[in-house]
N, C-alpha and C. Protein backbone atom coordinates (compact mmCIF):
# COMPACT_ATOMS: atom_id res chain seq x y z
N UNK A 1 -23.21 12.77 -8.15
CA UNK A 1 -22.65 12.42 -6.78
C UNK A 1 -21.56 13.43 -6.46
N UNK A 2 -21.57 13.97 -5.21
CA UNK A 2 -20.56 14.86 -4.80
C UNK A 2 -19.20 14.15 -4.67
N UNK A 3 -18.11 14.89 -4.97
CA UNK A 3 -16.79 14.26 -4.86
C UNK A 3 -16.52 13.91 -3.38
N UNK A 4 -15.66 12.91 -3.20
CA UNK A 4 -15.34 12.42 -1.88
C UNK A 4 -13.84 12.21 -1.74
N UNK A 5 -13.30 12.43 -0.61
CA UNK A 5 -11.92 12.10 -0.29
C UNK A 5 -11.98 10.97 0.79
N UNK A 6 -11.60 9.79 0.34
CA UNK A 6 -11.79 8.64 1.23
C UNK A 6 -10.41 8.09 1.60
N UNK A 7 -10.18 7.83 2.83
CA UNK A 7 -8.97 7.15 3.31
C UNK A 7 -9.37 5.77 3.84
N UNK A 8 -8.72 4.75 3.35
CA UNK A 8 -8.96 3.36 3.67
C UNK A 8 -7.74 2.80 4.40
N UNK A 9 -7.88 2.52 5.68
CA UNK A 9 -6.74 1.95 6.48
C UNK A 9 -6.98 0.51 6.78
N UNK A 10 -5.94 -0.24 6.98
CA UNK A 10 -6.10 -1.63 7.37
C UNK A 10 -4.73 -2.34 7.37
N UNK A 11 -4.67 -3.53 7.95
CA UNK A 11 -3.53 -4.35 7.94
C UNK A 11 -3.36 -5.11 6.64
N UNK A 12 -2.28 -5.93 6.57
CA UNK A 12 -2.08 -6.77 5.43
C UNK A 12 -3.24 -7.70 5.21
N UNK A 13 -3.65 -7.80 4.02
CA UNK A 13 -4.79 -8.72 3.56
C UNK A 13 -6.05 -8.48 4.36
N UNK A 14 -6.29 -7.24 4.69
CA UNK A 14 -7.52 -6.85 5.46
C UNK A 14 -8.75 -6.70 4.55
N UNK A 15 -8.47 -6.49 3.27
CA UNK A 15 -9.57 -6.22 2.35
C UNK A 15 -9.68 -4.72 1.89
N UNK A 16 -8.64 -3.94 2.31
CA UNK A 16 -8.67 -2.52 2.02
C UNK A 16 -8.70 -2.21 0.48
N UNK A 17 -7.84 -2.96 -0.27
CA UNK A 17 -7.82 -2.70 -1.75
C UNK A 17 -9.14 -3.13 -2.37
N UNK A 18 -9.74 -4.18 -1.88
CA UNK A 18 -11.07 -4.64 -2.39
C UNK A 18 -12.11 -3.53 -2.21
N UNK A 19 -12.07 -2.94 -1.00
CA UNK A 19 -13.01 -1.84 -0.75
C UNK A 19 -12.76 -0.69 -1.64
N UNK A 20 -11.45 -0.30 -1.89
CA UNK A 20 -11.13 0.80 -2.77
C UNK A 20 -11.63 0.53 -4.20
N UNK A 21 -11.50 -0.66 -4.71
CA UNK A 21 -11.93 -1.03 -6.03
C UNK A 21 -13.47 -0.95 -6.07
N UNK A 22 -14.13 -1.40 -5.10
CA UNK A 22 -15.59 -1.35 -5.05
C UNK A 22 -16.10 0.11 -5.02
N UNK A 23 -15.49 0.96 -4.19
CA UNK A 23 -15.90 2.37 -4.17
C UNK A 23 -15.56 3.10 -5.46
N UNK A 24 -14.41 2.75 -6.07
CA UNK A 24 -14.07 3.33 -7.37
C UNK A 24 -15.12 2.94 -8.45
N UNK A 25 -15.53 1.69 -8.43
CA UNK A 25 -16.55 1.25 -9.38
C UNK A 25 -17.84 1.96 -9.18
N UNK A 26 -18.25 2.23 -7.91
CA UNK A 26 -19.44 2.93 -7.65
C UNK A 26 -19.45 4.37 -8.16
N UNK A 27 -18.33 5.01 -8.12
CA UNK A 27 -18.22 6.37 -8.68
C UNK A 27 -18.49 6.23 -10.18
N UNK A 28 -17.87 5.22 -10.82
CA UNK A 28 -18.10 5.07 -12.22
C UNK A 28 -17.35 6.08 -13.03
N UNK A 29 -17.61 6.08 -14.35
CA UNK A 29 -16.92 7.00 -15.26
C UNK A 29 -15.48 6.62 -15.42
N UNK A 30 -14.64 7.64 -15.61
CA UNK A 30 -13.22 7.46 -15.86
C UNK A 30 -12.49 7.32 -14.48
N UNK A 31 -11.96 6.17 -14.23
CA UNK A 31 -11.27 5.92 -12.98
C UNK A 31 -9.76 5.79 -13.31
N UNK A 32 -8.90 6.48 -12.56
CA UNK A 32 -7.49 6.31 -12.67
C UNK A 32 -6.97 5.68 -11.40
N UNK A 33 -6.20 4.59 -11.58
CA UNK A 33 -5.59 3.83 -10.51
C UNK A 33 -4.14 4.15 -10.42
N UNK A 34 -3.67 4.71 -9.33
CA UNK A 34 -2.29 5.10 -9.14
C UNK A 34 -1.65 3.99 -8.32
N UNK A 35 -0.77 3.22 -8.93
CA UNK A 35 -0.01 2.14 -8.28
C UNK A 35 1.32 2.62 -7.87
N UNK A 36 1.63 2.48 -6.60
CA UNK A 36 2.92 2.97 -6.06
C UNK A 36 3.99 1.93 -5.94
N UNK A 37 3.63 0.63 -6.10
CA UNK A 37 4.51 -0.47 -5.95
C UNK A 37 5.55 -0.52 -7.08
N UNK A 38 6.75 -0.94 -6.74
CA UNK A 38 7.85 -1.12 -7.75
C UNK A 38 8.20 -2.59 -7.75
N UNK A 39 8.28 -3.16 -8.94
CA UNK A 39 8.60 -4.56 -9.11
C UNK A 39 10.13 -4.76 -9.01
N UNK A 40 10.61 -4.90 -7.78
CA UNK A 40 12.08 -5.11 -7.65
C UNK A 40 12.51 -6.54 -7.52
N UNK A 41 11.58 -7.44 -7.45
CA UNK A 41 11.90 -8.87 -7.47
C UNK A 41 10.71 -9.66 -8.03
N UNK A 42 10.93 -10.98 -8.29
CA UNK A 42 9.89 -11.76 -8.90
C UNK A 42 8.63 -11.84 -8.03
N UNK A 43 8.77 -11.99 -6.74
CA UNK A 43 7.60 -12.11 -5.88
C UNK A 43 6.75 -10.88 -5.96
N UNK A 44 7.42 -9.63 -5.90
CA UNK A 44 6.65 -8.46 -6.02
C UNK A 44 6.01 -8.27 -7.42
N UNK A 45 6.70 -8.72 -8.41
CA UNK A 45 6.15 -8.64 -9.79
C UNK A 45 4.87 -9.48 -9.83
N UNK A 46 4.89 -10.69 -9.23
CA UNK A 46 3.67 -11.53 -9.27
C UNK A 46 2.56 -10.82 -8.49
N UNK A 47 2.83 -10.18 -7.38
CA UNK A 47 1.82 -9.47 -6.61
C UNK A 47 1.21 -8.32 -7.45
N UNK A 48 2.03 -7.67 -8.07
CA UNK A 48 1.60 -6.49 -8.98
C UNK A 48 0.71 -7.02 -10.08
N UNK A 49 1.11 -8.11 -10.72
CA UNK A 49 0.34 -8.70 -11.80
C UNK A 49 -1.09 -9.17 -11.30
N UNK A 50 -1.11 -9.73 -10.12
CA UNK A 50 -2.40 -10.11 -9.53
C UNK A 50 -3.29 -8.87 -9.27
N UNK A 51 -2.68 -7.81 -8.75
CA UNK A 51 -3.42 -6.58 -8.55
C UNK A 51 -3.95 -6.04 -9.81
N UNK A 52 -3.07 -6.07 -10.88
CA UNK A 52 -3.57 -5.55 -12.22
C UNK A 52 -4.74 -6.33 -12.73
N UNK A 53 -4.73 -7.66 -12.56
CA UNK A 53 -5.83 -8.51 -13.07
C UNK A 53 -7.15 -8.26 -12.25
N UNK A 54 -7.03 -7.72 -11.03
CA UNK A 54 -8.21 -7.47 -10.26
C UNK A 54 -8.96 -6.20 -10.58
N UNK A 55 -8.33 -5.37 -11.41
CA UNK A 55 -8.92 -4.09 -11.73
C UNK A 55 -9.63 -4.19 -13.12
N UNK A 56 -10.74 -3.43 -13.32
CA UNK A 56 -11.34 -3.34 -14.59
C UNK A 56 -10.43 -2.85 -15.69
N UNK A 57 -10.44 -3.48 -16.85
CA UNK A 57 -9.55 -3.09 -17.97
C UNK A 57 -9.76 -1.69 -18.45
N UNK A 58 -10.93 -1.12 -18.20
CA UNK A 58 -11.23 0.21 -18.60
C UNK A 58 -10.56 1.33 -17.77
N UNK A 59 -10.02 0.90 -16.58
CA UNK A 59 -9.37 1.91 -15.71
C UNK A 59 -7.99 2.23 -16.24
N UNK A 60 -7.61 3.45 -16.20
CA UNK A 60 -6.26 3.84 -16.48
C UNK A 60 -5.40 3.58 -15.29
N UNK A 61 -4.24 2.93 -15.49
CA UNK A 61 -3.28 2.66 -14.42
C UNK A 61 -2.02 3.54 -14.67
N UNK A 62 -1.68 4.27 -13.58
CA UNK A 62 -0.41 5.03 -13.60
C UNK A 62 0.47 4.39 -12.57
N UNK A 63 1.71 3.99 -13.01
CA UNK A 63 2.66 3.50 -12.08
C UNK A 63 3.54 4.61 -11.64
N UNK A 64 3.36 5.06 -10.37
CA UNK A 64 4.02 6.26 -9.91
C UNK A 64 4.60 5.97 -8.50
N UNK A 65 5.92 6.03 -8.39
CA UNK A 65 6.52 5.80 -7.08
C UNK A 65 6.69 7.03 -6.25
N UNK A 66 6.81 8.25 -6.91
CA UNK A 66 6.97 9.51 -6.28
C UNK A 66 6.18 10.56 -7.06
N UNK A 67 5.98 11.73 -6.46
CA UNK A 67 5.33 12.88 -7.16
C UNK A 67 3.99 12.52 -7.80
N UNK A 68 3.11 11.93 -6.98
CA UNK A 68 1.78 11.49 -7.42
C UNK A 68 0.95 12.66 -8.04
N UNK A 69 0.92 13.80 -7.38
CA UNK A 69 0.14 14.94 -7.88
C UNK A 69 0.64 15.39 -9.26
N UNK A 70 1.94 15.38 -9.44
CA UNK A 70 2.44 15.75 -10.76
C UNK A 70 2.00 14.84 -11.83
N UNK A 71 2.01 13.54 -11.51
CA UNK A 71 1.54 12.57 -12.55
C UNK A 71 0.00 12.74 -12.81
N UNK A 72 -0.78 13.06 -11.79
CA UNK A 72 -2.20 13.26 -12.01
C UNK A 72 -2.46 14.52 -12.84
N UNK A 73 -1.63 15.52 -12.62
CA UNK A 73 -1.82 16.80 -13.39
C UNK A 73 -1.64 16.59 -14.87
N UNK A 74 -0.84 15.60 -15.28
CA UNK A 74 -0.54 15.32 -16.67
C UNK A 74 -1.64 14.48 -17.36
N UNK A 75 -2.61 14.01 -16.59
CA UNK A 75 -3.63 13.11 -17.16
C UNK A 75 -4.92 13.83 -17.39
N UNK A 76 -5.77 13.29 -18.20
CA UNK A 76 -7.09 13.82 -18.42
C UNK A 76 -7.90 13.71 -17.11
N UNK A 77 -8.78 14.68 -16.87
CA UNK A 77 -9.51 14.69 -15.59
C UNK A 77 -10.34 13.45 -15.39
N UNK A 78 -10.05 12.67 -14.40
CA UNK A 78 -10.86 11.47 -14.06
C UNK A 78 -12.05 11.79 -13.21
N UNK A 79 -12.96 10.86 -13.05
CA UNK A 79 -14.04 10.95 -12.12
C UNK A 79 -13.61 10.53 -10.74
N UNK A 80 -12.66 9.59 -10.73
CA UNK A 80 -12.17 9.08 -9.45
C UNK A 80 -10.70 8.70 -9.59
N UNK A 81 -9.97 8.84 -8.53
CA UNK A 81 -8.56 8.33 -8.43
C UNK A 81 -8.48 7.48 -7.28
N UNK A 82 -7.83 6.28 -7.45
CA UNK A 82 -7.53 5.38 -6.41
C UNK A 82 -6.01 5.33 -6.27
N UNK A 83 -5.48 5.73 -5.07
CA UNK A 83 -4.07 5.65 -4.84
C UNK A 83 -3.82 4.49 -3.92
N UNK A 84 -3.07 3.45 -4.44
CA UNK A 84 -2.86 2.23 -3.70
C UNK A 84 -1.38 1.86 -3.83
N UNK A 85 -0.60 2.11 -2.80
CA UNK A 85 -0.96 2.46 -1.47
C UNK A 85 0.02 3.52 -0.95
N UNK A 86 -0.47 4.19 0.09
CA UNK A 86 0.41 5.22 0.75
C UNK A 86 1.58 4.63 1.41
N UNK A 87 1.44 3.45 1.97
CA UNK A 87 2.56 2.78 2.62
C UNK A 87 3.77 2.60 1.70
N UNK A 88 3.47 2.13 0.48
CA UNK A 88 4.56 1.96 -0.48
C UNK A 88 5.12 3.33 -0.95
N UNK A 89 4.27 4.28 -1.00
CA UNK A 89 4.68 5.69 -1.37
C UNK A 89 5.64 6.17 -0.31
N UNK A 90 5.33 6.03 0.95
CA UNK A 90 6.34 6.43 1.98
C UNK A 90 7.59 5.59 1.98
N UNK A 91 7.46 4.32 1.66
CA UNK A 91 8.63 3.50 1.54
C UNK A 91 9.51 3.96 0.39
N UNK A 92 8.92 4.34 -0.74
CA UNK A 92 9.64 4.89 -1.89
C UNK A 92 10.42 6.15 -1.51
N UNK A 93 9.76 7.03 -0.74
CA UNK A 93 10.40 8.22 -0.28
C UNK A 93 11.55 7.97 0.60
N UNK A 94 11.40 6.97 1.55
CA UNK A 94 12.46 6.61 2.41
C UNK A 94 13.68 6.14 1.63
N UNK A 95 13.43 5.34 0.58
CA UNK A 95 14.56 4.88 -0.23
C UNK A 95 15.20 6.03 -0.94
N UNK A 96 14.43 6.98 -1.41
CA UNK A 96 14.96 8.11 -2.13
C UNK A 96 15.82 9.00 -1.20
N UNK A 97 15.56 9.01 0.11
CA UNK A 97 16.21 9.91 0.98
C UNK A 97 17.07 9.10 2.04
N UNK A 98 17.45 7.87 1.68
CA UNK A 98 18.32 7.09 2.55
C UNK A 98 19.74 7.61 2.47
N UNK A 99 20.41 7.53 3.64
CA UNK A 99 21.83 7.91 3.67
C UNK A 99 22.67 6.75 3.09
N UNK A 100 23.56 7.01 2.18
CA UNK A 100 24.33 5.94 1.51
C UNK A 100 25.08 5.05 2.47
N UNK A 101 24.93 3.70 2.32
CA UNK A 101 25.69 2.78 3.10
C UNK A 101 25.20 2.55 4.55
N UNK A 102 24.06 3.18 4.91
CA UNK A 102 23.55 3.06 6.29
C UNK A 102 22.14 2.50 6.22
N UNK A 103 21.80 1.87 7.34
CA UNK A 103 20.40 1.50 7.51
C UNK A 103 19.64 2.59 8.27
N UNK A 104 19.83 3.83 7.83
CA UNK A 104 19.25 4.95 8.49
C UNK A 104 18.87 5.98 7.45
N UNK A 105 17.59 6.12 7.20
CA UNK A 105 17.17 7.15 6.23
C UNK A 105 17.26 8.53 6.84
N UNK A 106 17.34 9.50 6.06
CA UNK A 106 17.40 10.93 6.50
C UNK A 106 15.91 11.29 6.86
N UNK A 107 15.55 11.09 8.21
CA UNK A 107 14.20 11.24 8.61
C UNK A 107 13.68 12.67 8.35
N UNK A 108 14.41 13.66 8.65
CA UNK A 108 13.93 15.03 8.46
C UNK A 108 13.67 15.36 7.01
N UNK A 109 14.62 14.96 6.10
CA UNK A 109 14.43 15.19 4.63
C UNK A 109 13.25 14.41 4.12
N UNK A 110 13.10 13.21 4.55
CA UNK A 110 11.98 12.39 4.09
C UNK A 110 10.67 12.97 4.60
N UNK A 111 10.56 13.40 5.88
CA UNK A 111 9.36 13.99 6.31
C UNK A 111 9.02 15.27 5.61
N UNK A 112 10.02 16.05 5.33
CA UNK A 112 9.76 17.26 4.56
C UNK A 112 9.26 16.97 3.14
N UNK A 113 9.84 15.93 2.47
CA UNK A 113 9.37 15.61 1.14
C UNK A 113 7.95 15.03 1.21
N UNK A 114 7.74 14.19 2.22
CA UNK A 114 6.38 13.64 2.39
C UNK A 114 5.37 14.70 2.60
N UNK A 115 5.71 15.70 3.44
CA UNK A 115 4.76 16.84 3.69
C UNK A 115 4.43 17.57 2.40
N UNK A 116 5.48 17.77 1.58
CA UNK A 116 5.22 18.42 0.26
C UNK A 116 4.36 17.61 -0.66
N UNK A 117 4.62 16.29 -0.69
CA UNK A 117 3.87 15.39 -1.56
C UNK A 117 2.40 15.31 -1.17
N UNK A 118 2.17 15.21 0.20
CA UNK A 118 0.78 15.21 0.73
C UNK A 118 0.08 16.53 0.40
N UNK A 119 0.81 17.62 0.59
CA UNK A 119 0.21 18.93 0.37
C UNK A 119 -0.17 19.09 -1.15
N UNK A 120 0.75 18.58 -2.01
CA UNK A 120 0.44 18.68 -3.53
C UNK A 120 -0.72 17.81 -3.85
N UNK A 121 -0.88 16.55 -3.22
CA UNK A 121 -2.00 15.74 -3.52
C UNK A 121 -3.34 16.41 -3.07
N UNK A 122 -3.28 17.01 -1.87
CA UNK A 122 -4.47 17.74 -1.39
C UNK A 122 -4.86 18.89 -2.29
N UNK A 123 -3.85 19.66 -2.71
CA UNK A 123 -4.09 20.73 -3.61
C UNK A 123 -4.69 20.26 -4.93
N UNK A 124 -4.16 19.12 -5.47
CA UNK A 124 -4.77 18.55 -6.70
C UNK A 124 -6.21 18.14 -6.45
N UNK A 125 -6.51 17.53 -5.29
CA UNK A 125 -7.88 17.14 -5.00
C UNK A 125 -8.81 18.33 -4.95
N UNK A 126 -8.34 19.37 -4.25
CA UNK A 126 -9.23 20.56 -4.12
C UNK A 126 -9.46 21.29 -5.44
N UNK A 127 -8.51 21.15 -6.39
CA UNK A 127 -8.64 21.88 -7.62
C UNK A 127 -9.33 21.05 -8.71
N UNK A 128 -9.80 19.84 -8.42
CA UNK A 128 -10.40 19.04 -9.43
C UNK A 128 -11.77 18.50 -8.95
N UNK A 129 -12.49 18.02 -9.87
CA UNK A 129 -13.83 17.45 -9.55
C UNK A 129 -13.85 16.00 -9.20
N UNK A 130 -12.67 15.36 -9.18
CA UNK A 130 -12.52 13.93 -8.95
C UNK A 130 -12.63 13.55 -7.55
N UNK A 131 -13.24 12.37 -7.25
CA UNK A 131 -13.14 11.73 -5.93
C UNK A 131 -11.73 11.17 -5.81
N UNK A 132 -11.24 11.04 -4.57
CA UNK A 132 -9.90 10.53 -4.27
C UNK A 132 -10.02 9.47 -3.21
N UNK A 133 -9.56 8.24 -3.53
CA UNK A 133 -9.60 7.17 -2.58
C UNK A 133 -8.12 6.75 -2.35
N UNK A 134 -7.67 6.85 -1.07
CA UNK A 134 -6.31 6.50 -0.73
C UNK A 134 -6.32 5.28 0.14
N UNK A 135 -5.53 4.29 -0.25
CA UNK A 135 -5.38 3.07 0.58
C UNK A 135 -4.05 3.26 1.33
N UNK A 136 -4.08 2.87 2.61
CA UNK A 136 -2.85 2.91 3.47
C UNK A 136 -2.82 1.81 4.50
N UNK A 137 -1.65 1.41 4.94
CA UNK A 137 -1.51 0.44 5.95
C UNK A 137 -1.60 1.12 7.28
N UNK A 138 -2.30 0.41 8.22
CA UNK A 138 -2.30 0.86 9.63
C UNK A 138 -1.19 0.11 10.29
N UNK A 139 -0.12 0.81 10.65
CA UNK A 139 1.06 0.19 11.16
C UNK A 139 1.28 0.40 12.68
N UNK A 140 0.39 1.12 13.33
CA UNK A 140 0.54 1.48 14.70
C UNK A 140 0.12 0.41 15.72
N UNK A 141 -0.43 -0.68 15.26
CA UNK A 141 -0.92 -1.68 16.18
C UNK A 141 0.01 -2.96 16.29
N UNK A 142 1.11 -2.95 15.55
CA UNK A 142 2.01 -4.00 15.57
C UNK A 142 3.20 -3.91 16.50
N UNK A 143 4.14 -4.76 16.40
CA UNK A 143 5.34 -4.69 17.19
C UNK A 143 6.21 -3.49 16.78
N UNK A 144 7.06 -3.06 17.67
CA UNK A 144 8.01 -1.99 17.35
C UNK A 144 9.10 -2.67 16.46
N UNK A 145 9.29 -2.09 15.23
CA UNK A 145 10.33 -2.66 14.36
C UNK A 145 11.68 -2.73 15.00
N UNK A 146 12.53 -3.77 14.74
CA UNK A 146 13.75 -3.89 15.41
C UNK A 146 14.87 -3.07 14.77
N UNK A 147 14.62 -2.44 13.62
CA UNK A 147 15.72 -1.66 12.96
C UNK A 147 15.30 -0.22 12.84
N UNK A 148 16.27 0.69 12.90
CA UNK A 148 15.96 2.14 12.82
C UNK A 148 15.13 2.48 11.63
N UNK A 149 15.46 1.92 10.44
CA UNK A 149 14.68 2.29 9.18
C UNK A 149 13.20 1.83 9.33
N UNK A 150 13.00 0.72 9.99
CA UNK A 150 11.60 0.28 10.17
C UNK A 150 10.85 1.16 11.13
N UNK A 151 11.54 1.68 12.17
CA UNK A 151 10.86 2.57 13.13
C UNK A 151 10.56 3.94 12.44
N UNK A 152 11.49 4.36 11.64
CA UNK A 152 11.28 5.62 10.93
C UNK A 152 10.06 5.51 9.98
N UNK A 153 10.07 4.32 9.24
CA UNK A 153 8.90 4.05 8.35
C UNK A 153 7.60 4.10 9.12
N UNK A 154 7.56 3.35 10.20
CA UNK A 154 6.30 3.31 10.99
C UNK A 154 5.87 4.70 11.45
N UNK A 155 6.82 5.48 11.93
CA UNK A 155 6.51 6.76 12.45
C UNK A 155 6.04 7.72 11.34
N UNK A 156 6.73 7.71 10.18
CA UNK A 156 6.29 8.54 9.08
C UNK A 156 4.97 8.19 8.43
N UNK A 157 4.75 6.84 8.32
CA UNK A 157 3.47 6.44 7.81
C UNK A 157 2.35 6.78 8.76
N UNK A 158 2.56 6.58 10.06
CA UNK A 158 1.56 6.94 11.05
C UNK A 158 1.24 8.46 10.95
N UNK A 159 2.24 9.31 10.82
CA UNK A 159 2.07 10.74 10.67
C UNK A 159 1.33 11.03 9.37
N UNK A 160 1.66 10.35 8.29
CA UNK A 160 1.00 10.61 7.01
C UNK A 160 -0.48 10.16 7.11
N UNK A 161 -0.73 9.04 7.74
CA UNK A 161 -2.13 8.60 7.91
C UNK A 161 -2.93 9.61 8.72
N UNK A 162 -2.39 10.17 9.75
CA UNK A 162 -3.06 11.19 10.49
C UNK A 162 -3.38 12.44 9.63
N UNK A 163 -2.40 12.75 8.85
CA UNK A 163 -2.60 14.02 7.96
C UNK A 163 -3.67 13.72 6.95
N UNK A 164 -3.61 12.53 6.32
CA UNK A 164 -4.62 12.16 5.34
C UNK A 164 -6.00 12.03 5.96
N UNK A 165 -6.09 11.57 7.21
CA UNK A 165 -7.39 11.45 7.86
C UNK A 165 -8.05 12.77 8.15
N UNK A 166 -7.19 13.83 8.38
CA UNK A 166 -7.79 15.12 8.57
C UNK A 166 -8.29 15.76 7.30
N UNK A 167 -7.65 15.36 6.14
CA UNK A 167 -8.10 15.84 4.87
C UNK A 167 -9.29 15.14 4.33
N UNK A 168 -9.45 13.92 4.67
CA UNK A 168 -10.47 13.02 4.16
C UNK A 168 -11.86 13.36 4.61
N UNK A 169 -12.83 13.20 3.72
CA UNK A 169 -14.24 13.35 4.16
C UNK A 169 -14.70 12.08 4.82
N UNK A 170 -14.16 10.95 4.47
CA UNK A 170 -14.53 9.67 5.04
C UNK A 170 -13.26 8.89 5.34
N UNK A 171 -13.20 8.18 6.47
CA UNK A 171 -12.11 7.29 6.83
C UNK A 171 -12.64 5.96 7.25
N UNK A 172 -12.19 4.92 6.65
CA UNK A 172 -12.54 3.52 7.00
C UNK A 172 -11.41 2.68 7.50
N UNK A 173 -11.57 1.96 8.53
CA UNK A 173 -10.64 0.91 8.94
C UNK A 173 -11.25 -0.39 8.56
N UNK A 174 -10.43 -1.19 7.82
CA UNK A 174 -10.94 -2.51 7.33
C UNK A 174 -10.25 -3.56 8.16
N UNK A 175 -11.07 -4.41 8.77
CA UNK A 175 -10.63 -5.52 9.52
C UNK A 175 -11.35 -6.78 9.06
N UNK A 176 -10.61 -7.83 8.58
CA UNK A 176 -11.18 -9.03 8.08
C UNK A 176 -12.28 -8.83 7.04
N UNK A 177 -12.04 -7.83 6.18
CA UNK A 177 -12.94 -7.51 5.08
C UNK A 177 -14.12 -6.64 5.44
N UNK A 178 -14.20 -6.22 6.75
CA UNK A 178 -15.36 -5.46 7.16
C UNK A 178 -14.93 -3.98 7.42
N UNK A 179 -15.45 -3.01 6.66
CA UNK A 179 -15.08 -1.65 6.89
C UNK A 179 -15.86 -0.97 8.03
N UNK A 180 -15.09 -0.24 8.83
CA UNK A 180 -15.67 0.50 9.95
C UNK A 180 -15.47 1.98 9.62
N UNK A 181 -16.55 2.74 9.71
CA UNK A 181 -16.52 4.17 9.43
C UNK A 181 -16.05 4.91 10.67
N UNK A 182 -14.74 5.28 10.60
CA UNK A 182 -14.10 5.85 11.82
C UNK A 182 -14.64 7.20 12.16
N UNK A 183 -14.89 8.08 11.16
CA UNK A 183 -15.36 9.42 11.47
C UNK A 183 -16.83 9.38 12.02
N UNK A 184 -17.60 8.38 11.59
CA UNK A 184 -18.94 8.25 12.22
C UNK A 184 -18.88 7.95 13.68
N UNK A 185 -17.89 7.14 14.08
CA UNK A 185 -17.86 6.71 15.48
C UNK A 185 -16.82 7.57 16.29
N UNK A 186 -16.30 8.63 15.75
CA UNK A 186 -15.29 9.45 16.51
C UNK A 186 -15.99 10.00 17.71
N UNK A 187 -15.26 10.05 18.82
CA UNK A 187 -15.81 10.54 20.06
C UNK A 187 -16.18 12.01 19.98
N UNK A 188 -15.37 12.79 19.28
CA UNK A 188 -15.73 14.24 19.10
C UNK A 188 -15.57 14.53 17.58
N UNK A 189 -16.17 15.59 17.19
CA UNK A 189 -16.10 15.96 15.73
C UNK A 189 -14.59 16.15 15.41
N UNK A 190 -14.22 15.53 14.29
CA UNK A 190 -12.83 15.48 13.89
C UNK A 190 -12.53 16.73 13.00
N UNK A 191 -11.42 17.37 13.30
CA UNK A 191 -11.00 18.56 12.48
C UNK A 191 -10.75 18.06 11.08
N UNK A 192 -11.31 18.79 10.15
CA UNK A 192 -11.16 18.42 8.74
C UNK A 192 -10.58 19.63 7.95
N UNK A 193 -9.49 19.28 7.25
CA UNK A 193 -8.87 20.35 6.42
C UNK A 193 -9.39 20.33 4.99
N UNK A 194 -10.22 19.27 4.72
CA UNK A 194 -10.68 19.08 3.36
C UNK A 194 -11.74 20.09 2.87
N UNK A 195 -12.39 19.76 1.80
CA UNK A 195 -13.39 20.65 1.23
C UNK A 195 -14.56 21.01 2.14
């Protein structure tokens, strides 16, 4: 099977992680699951534990909040990588580049770091034989966040999703557990930076 770069978008509890696990299982072989969530409280710890139980025990799990491509470089070559999720990855970057004492992240520094991280991930993908499945939140259909940090997060994740979509060979939007192939239904051929 030819390698694939798949982006899976959706809202909360849309079924996007379920689709990622299904596609990862279909690739078979050695699957590496990159978890970007950090257990900063008991509720998040319980969510992470539930996610861990939903994955096959044979999959390697890497807990990586930043520098995903660097972590993948240190591991044995997998057949597939699932990155779940880009939303938390962007959130981790925002926390890393927040201005002390303010509810205002350094947007320019965060976008620069995010651009470098996305570029490194794409370089890793192009230099390896593994399929890459990225799960991300679609945040552009909701309310405008009431706080500056929320608006910066929404804008940066929207920008990252657009960049990932141009790199991906396949893009799915999951609504109520139903995946829709966005590139198949695009009005015009979509520019693709990928392989």
